[in-house]
Amino acid sequence: MGVFEFEKFAKGTNDVAQTLAECTGKGAITIIGGGDSVAAVEKAGLADKMSHISTGGGASLELLEGLVLPGVAALTDA
């Protein structure tokens, strides 16, 4: 993924987004996490082809790693 904001550098990012969209269409679960990744997929016009869009990039990664998120822990303890 690259500097998708500039057309001459966007091809790689768009190709990754297109491949993910195709994988989703074949039954894969695709999760786009993080503001820049979400913006890239939206700019490519493929956001609706993904399984899930999340603006919580770092938090999403920590959750997938199995780490405890403070906000979720607070809700669990309430």
C-alpha atoms as a PDB file:
ATOM      1  CA  MET A   1       0.000   0.000   0.000  1.00  0.00           C
ATOM      2  CA  GLY A   2       1.350   3.375  -0.910  1.00  0.00           C
ATOM      3  CA  VAL A   3       0.608   7.034  -1.288  1.00  0.00           C
ATOM      4  CA  PHE A   4      -2.806   6.434  -2.830  1.00  0.00           C
ATOM      5  CA  GLU A   5      -3.709  10.113  -2.630  1.00  0.00           C
ATOM      6  CA  PHE A   6      -1.483  10.750  -5.664  1.00  0.00           C
ATOM      7  CA  GLU A   7      -2.707   9.007  -8.809  1.00  0.00           C
ATOM      8  CA  LYS A   8       0.763   8.078 -10.057  1.00  0.00           C
ATOM      9  CA  PHE A   9       1.389   6.129  -6.820  1.00  0.00           C
ATOM     10  CA  ALA A  10      -2.100   4.681  -6.323  1.00  0.00           C
ATOM     11  CA  LYS A  11      -1.888   1.571  -8.531  1.00  0.00           C
ATOM     12  CA  GLY A  12      -0.438  -0.765  -5.893  1.00  0.00           C
ATOM     13  CA  THR A  13      -2.946   0.300  -3.272  1.00  0.00           C
ATOM     14  CA  ASN A  14      -5.831  -0.005  -5.714  1.00  0.00           C
ATOM     15  CA  ASP A  15      -4.631  -3.454  -6.794  1.00  0.00           C
ATOM     16  CA  VAL A  16      -4.552  -4.640  -3.166  1.00  0.00           C
ATOM     17  CA  ALA A  17      -8.062  -3.246  -2.599  1.00  0.00           C
ATOM     18  CA  GLN A  18      -9.337  -4.916  -5.776  1.00  0.00           C
ATOM     19  CA  THR A  19      -7.825  -8.259  -4.760  1.00  0.00           C
ATOM     20  CA  LEU A  20      -9.433  -8.021  -1.324  1.00  0.00           C
ATOM     21  CA  ALA A  21     -12.799  -7.229  -2.928  1.00  0.00           C
ATOM     22  CA  GLU A  22     -12.455 -10.278  -5.179  1.00  0.00           C
ATOM     23  CA  CYS A  23     -11.580 -12.454  -2.174  1.00  0.00           C
ATOM     24  CA  THR A  24     -14.659 -11.183  -0.340  1.00  0.00           C
ATOM     25  CA  GLY A  25     -16.766 -12.117  -3.342  1.00  0.00           C
ATOM     26  CA  LYS A  26     -15.402 -15.667  -3.078  1.00  0.00           C
ATOM     27  CA  GLY A  27     -16.382 -15.965   0.579  1.00  0.00           C
ATOM     28  CA  ALA A  28     -13.326 -14.623   2.422  1.00  0.00           C
ATOM     29  CA  ILE A  29     -13.787 -12.294   5.373  1.00  0.00           C
ATOM     30  CA  THR A  30     -12.020  -9.002   4.739  1.00  0.00           C
ATOM     31  CA  ILE A  31     -11.506  -6.453   7.489  1.00  0.00           C
ATOM     32  CA  ILE A  32     -10.218  -2.987   6.627  1.00  0.00           C
ATOM     33  CA  GLY A  33      -8.848  -1.294   9.731  1.00  0.00           C
ATOM     34  CA  GLY A  34      -7.430   2.171  10.149  1.00  0.00           C
ATOM     35  CA  GLY A  35      -8.266   5.575   8.788  1.00  0.00           C
ATOM     36  CA  ASP A  36      -5.827   5.593   5.859  1.00  0.00           C
ATOM     37  CA  SER A  37      -6.740   2.064   4.762  1.00  0.00           C
ATOM     38  CA  VAL A  38     -10.438   2.901   4.945  1.00  0.00           C
ATOM     39  CA  ALA A  39      -9.873   6.094   2.945  1.00  0.00           C
ATOM     40  CA  ALA A  40      -7.939   4.153   0.286  1.00  0.00           C
ATOM     41  CA  VAL A  41     -10.665   1.522  -0.105  1.00  0.00           C
ATOM     42  CA  GLU A  42     -13.348   4.209  -0.225  1.00  0.00           C
ATOM     43  CA  LYS A  43     -11.414   6.212  -2.837  1.00  0.00           C
ATOM     44  CA  ALA A  44     -11.099   3.040  -4.931  1.00  0.00           C
ATOM     45  CA  GLY A  45     -14.902   2.669  -4.717  1.00  0.00           C
ATOM     46  CA  LEU A  46     -14.636  -0.753  -3.095  1.00  0.00           C
ATOM     47  CA  ALA A  47     -15.694  -0.172   0.518  1.00  0.00           C
ATOM     48  CA  ASP A  48     -19.045  -1.864  -0.066  1.00  0.00           C
ATOM     49  CA  LYS A  49     -17.218  -4.989  -1.291  1.00  0.00           C
ATOM     50  CA  MET A  50     -15.450  -5.581   2.062  1.00  0.00           C
ATOM     51  CA  SER A  51     -16.827  -7.612   4.963  1.00  0.00           C
ATOM     52  CA  HIS A  52     -16.104  -5.003   7.607  1.00  0.00           C
ATOM     53  CA  ILE A  53     -14.749  -1.465   7.741  1.00  0.00           C
ATOM     54  CA  SER A  54     -13.268  -0.165  11.011  1.00  0.00           C
ATOM     55  CA  THR A  55     -11.583   3.139  11.761  1.00  0.00           C
ATOM     56  CA  GLY A  56      -9.842   1.569  14.772  1.00  0.00           C
ATOM     57  CA  GLY A  57      -6.582   0.505  13.135  1.00  0.00           C
ATOM     58  CA  GLY A  58      -4.293   0.034  16.128  1.00  0.00           C
ATOM     59  CA  ALA A  59      -7.097  -1.048  18.412  1.00  0.00           C
ATOM     60  CA  SER A  60      -8.317  -3.562  15.835  1.00  0.00           C
ATOM     61  CA  LEU A  61      -4.858  -5.102  15.613  1.00  0.00           C
ATOM     62  CA  GLU A  62      -4.584  -5.316  19.400  1.00  0.00           C
ATOM     63  CA  LEU A  63      -7.993  -6.993  19.593  1.00  0.00           C
ATOM     64  CA  LEU A  64      -6.975  -9.544  16.940  1.00  0.00           C
ATOM     65  CA  GLU A  65      -3.770 -10.175  18.936  1.00  0.00           C
ATOM     66  CA  GLY A  66      -5.903 -11.078  21.931  1.00  0.00           C
ATOM     67  CA  LEU A  67      -4.866  -8.073  24.024  1.00  0.00           C
ATOM     68  CA  VAL A  68      -7.275  -6.469  26.469  1.00  0.00           C
ATOM     69  CA  LEU A  69      -8.627  -3.135  25.297  1.00  0.00           C
ATOM     70  CA  PRO A  70      -9.148  -0.713  28.212  1.00  0.00           C
ATOM     71  CA  GLY A  71     -12.525   0.507  26.941  1.00  0.00           C
ATOM     72  CA  VAL A  72     -13.839  -3.025  26.479  1.00  0.00           C
ATOM     73  CA  ALA A  73     -12.486  -4.041  29.897  1.00  0.00           C
ATOM     74  CA  ALA A  74     -14.293  -1.107  31.514  1.00  0.00           C
ATOM     75  CA  LEU A  75     -17.571  -2.166  29.911  1.00  0.00           C
ATOM     76  CA  THR A  76     -17.038  -5.759  30.962  1.00  0.00           C
ATOM     77  CA  ASP A  77     -16.369  -4.723  34.563  1.00  0.00           C
ATOM     78  CA  ALA A  78     -19.446  -2.453  34.712  1.00  0.00           C
END
